[in-house]
Amino acid sequence: MKTIVLAAITAFLQAGCLTTPAEPVVSIPAPVCHNAKQCEVMWTAAQDWLPRVGRMQVVQVLPDSIVTSPRLEGVRTTMHGVVVKRPLTDGSYELSARFECGEPQFPCTKLEQSGVNLFNTMVSAAGEGCDQ
């Protein structure tokens, strides 16, 4: 009887100490523009998203890339990154974003893919209706 009680208590304690593994973040596809008007709208949306939603400072905008730094003056921002407009074989363009934590001591590394997903969703939405 002692063995059964001890086994039950051990199982109970171990079950309480085990953690459920974090669910992986599903990747949302990068935005793709199919014509000049849609590409212009989505590229502008990407430039607006970075400082407004992503709280990143845009350092450089080129025809095919946007580079950010991790901080706005006086504002604590934890991510920075780059957005690249890549030509695809069918003549369309993919707007590929990559964000990283600027200060690893802050718990933002788990949010990097979530930031990319939010960027992808909002920039794709900006281009809807311009694809004709």
Protein backbone atom coordinates (compact mmCIF):
# COMPACT_ATOMS: atom_id res chain seq x y z
CA MET A 1 0.00 0.00 0.00
CA LYS A 2 2.87 2.35 0.86
CA THR A 3 4.36 1.74 -2.57
CA ILE A 4 1.10 2.64 -4.33
CA VAL A 5 0.68 5.84 -2.30
CA LEU A 6 4.32 6.80 -2.87
CA ALA A 7 3.98 6.11 -6.62
CA ALA A 8 0.79 8.19 -6.78
CA ILE A 9 2.39 11.12 -4.92
CA THR A 10 5.50 10.93 -7.14
CA ALA A 11 3.37 10.88 -10.29
CA PHE A 12 1.30 13.81 -9.00
CA LEU A 13 4.40 15.87 -8.19
CA GLN A 14 6.06 15.10 -11.53
CA ALA A 15 2.92 15.99 -13.44
CA GLY A 16 2.85 19.37 -11.72
CA CYS A 17 6.49 20.04 -12.57
CA LEU A 18 6.28 19.16 -16.23
CA THR A 19 5.52 22.02 -18.55
CA THR A 20 3.55 21.85 -21.72
CA PRO A 21 5.83 22.60 -24.67
CA ALA A 22 5.14 25.92 -26.34
CA GLU A 23 3.11 25.66 -29.50
CA PRO A 24 5.12 26.59 -32.57
CA VAL A 25 4.14 29.84 -34.26
CA VAL A 26 2.66 29.18 -37.68
CA SER A 27 4.31 31.24 -40.41
CA ILE A 28 2.08 33.47 -42.52
CA PRO A 29 3.30 33.72 -46.13
CA ALA A 30 5.18 36.86 -47.17
CA PRO A 31 3.16 39.45 -49.10
CA VAL A 32 3.37 39.22 -52.89
CA CYS A 33 2.48 42.05 -55.27
CA HIS A 34 1.54 41.37 -58.88
CA ASN A 35 1.56 44.78 -60.59
CA ALA A 36 3.18 48.22 -60.25
CA LYS A 37 0.21 49.82 -58.44
CA GLN A 38 -0.11 46.99 -55.93
CA CYS A 39 3.66 46.94 -55.34
CA GLU A 40 3.68 50.68 -54.68
CA VAL A 41 0.78 50.41 -52.21
CA MET A 42 2.32 47.46 -50.38
CA TRP A 43 5.84 48.98 -50.32
CA THR A 44 4.37 52.17 -48.81
CA ALA A 45 2.43 50.07 -46.28
CA ALA A 46 5.65 48.27 -45.33
CA GLN A 47 7.41 51.60 -44.74
CA ASP A 48 4.48 52.83 -42.61
CA TRP A 49 4.17 49.58 -40.63
CA LEU A 50 7.76 49.53 -39.38
CA PRO A 51 7.68 52.74 -37.29
CA ARG A 52 3.96 52.77 -36.45
CA VAL A 53 3.25 49.17 -35.52
CA GLY A 54 6.71 47.64 -35.28
CA ARG A 55 8.09 50.67 -33.38
CA MET A 56 11.28 50.46 -35.43
CA GLN A 57 13.22 53.42 -36.76
CA VAL A 58 13.59 53.35 -40.54
CA VAL A 59 17.25 54.05 -41.26
CA GLN A 60 17.38 53.54 -45.01
CA VAL A 61 14.85 53.03 -47.81
CA LEU A 62 16.09 51.81 -51.18
CA PRO A 63 14.00 50.66 -54.17
CA ASP A 64 14.38 47.03 -53.04
CA SER A 65 15.06 47.15 -49.28
CA ILE A 66 14.16 48.88 -46.03
CA VAL A 67 16.59 48.79 -43.10
CA THR A 68 15.59 49.62 -39.52
CA SER A 69 17.41 50.20 -36.27
CA PRO A 70 16.15 48.90 -32.92
CA ARG A 71 15.35 52.23 -31.29
CA LEU A 72 13.50 55.46 -31.73
CA GLU A 73 15.03 58.27 -29.71
CA GLY A 74 13.77 57.94 -26.13
CA VAL A 75 11.56 54.91 -26.83
CA ARG A 76 12.49 51.39 -25.76
CA THR A 77 12.13 49.16 -28.80
CA THR A 78 13.33 45.60 -28.80
CA MET A 79 13.35 44.60 -32.48
CA HIS A 80 14.99 45.72 -35.68
CA GLY A 81 15.19 44.20 -39.10
CA VAL A 82 15.09 44.42 -42.83
CA VAL A 83 12.44 44.13 -45.53
CA VAL A 84 13.55 43.06 -49.00
CA LYS A 85 11.53 43.24 -52.21
CA ARG A 86 12.52 40.14 -54.19
CA PRO A 87 11.55 39.51 -57.81
CA LEU A 88 9.82 36.20 -58.47
CA THR A 89 9.98 34.18 -61.69
CA ASP A 90 6.43 35.14 -62.73
CA GLY A 91 7.19 38.89 -62.65
CA SER A 92 5.65 39.52 -59.24
CA TYR A 93 7.54 40.59 -56.10
CA GLU A 94 7.71 39.13 -52.61
CA LEU A 95 8.18 41.48 -49.64
CA SER A 96 10.24 39.39 -47.25
CA ALA A 97 10.69 40.64 -43.66
CA ARG A 98 13.16 39.45 -41.03
CA PHE A 99 13.14 40.88 -37.52
CA GLU A 100 15.54 40.25 -34.63
CA CYS A 101 15.69 41.25 -31.01
CA GLY A 102 17.95 44.21 -30.47
CA GLU A 103 18.56 43.42 -26.82
CA PRO A 104 18.61 39.69 -26.03
CA GLN A 105 18.06 40.24 -22.31
CA PHE A 106 14.47 41.25 -23.03
CA PRO A 107 12.11 38.31 -23.64
CA CYS A 108 11.32 39.17 -27.24
CA THR A 109 12.95 36.32 -29.16
CA LYS A 110 9.68 34.37 -29.04
CA LEU A 111 7.98 37.35 -30.68
CA GLU A 112 10.24 37.61 -33.74
CA GLN A 113 8.09 35.31 -35.91
CA SER A 114 4.91 36.89 -34.54
CA GLY A 115 6.22 40.29 -35.67
CA VAL A 116 6.92 38.94 -39.15
CA ASN A 117 3.44 37.38 -39.23
CA LEU A 118 1.79 40.67 -38.27
CA PHE A 119 3.84 42.51 -40.90
CA ASN A 120 2.88 39.91 -43.54
CA THR A 121 -0.81 40.12 -42.66
CA MET A 122 -1.05 43.91 -42.63
CA VAL A 123 1.03 44.53 -45.76
CA SER A 124 -0.88 41.82 -47.66
CA ALA A 125 -4.17 43.40 -46.58
CA ALA A 126 -2.99 46.80 -47.85
CA GLY A 127 -2.52 45.34 -51.33
CA GLU A 128 -5.90 43.63 -51.55
CA GLY A 129 -8.07 45.05 -54.30
CA CYS A 130 -5.06 46.39 -56.24
CA ASP A 131 -4.25 43.09 -57.92
CA GLN A 132 -6.39 43.56 -61.04
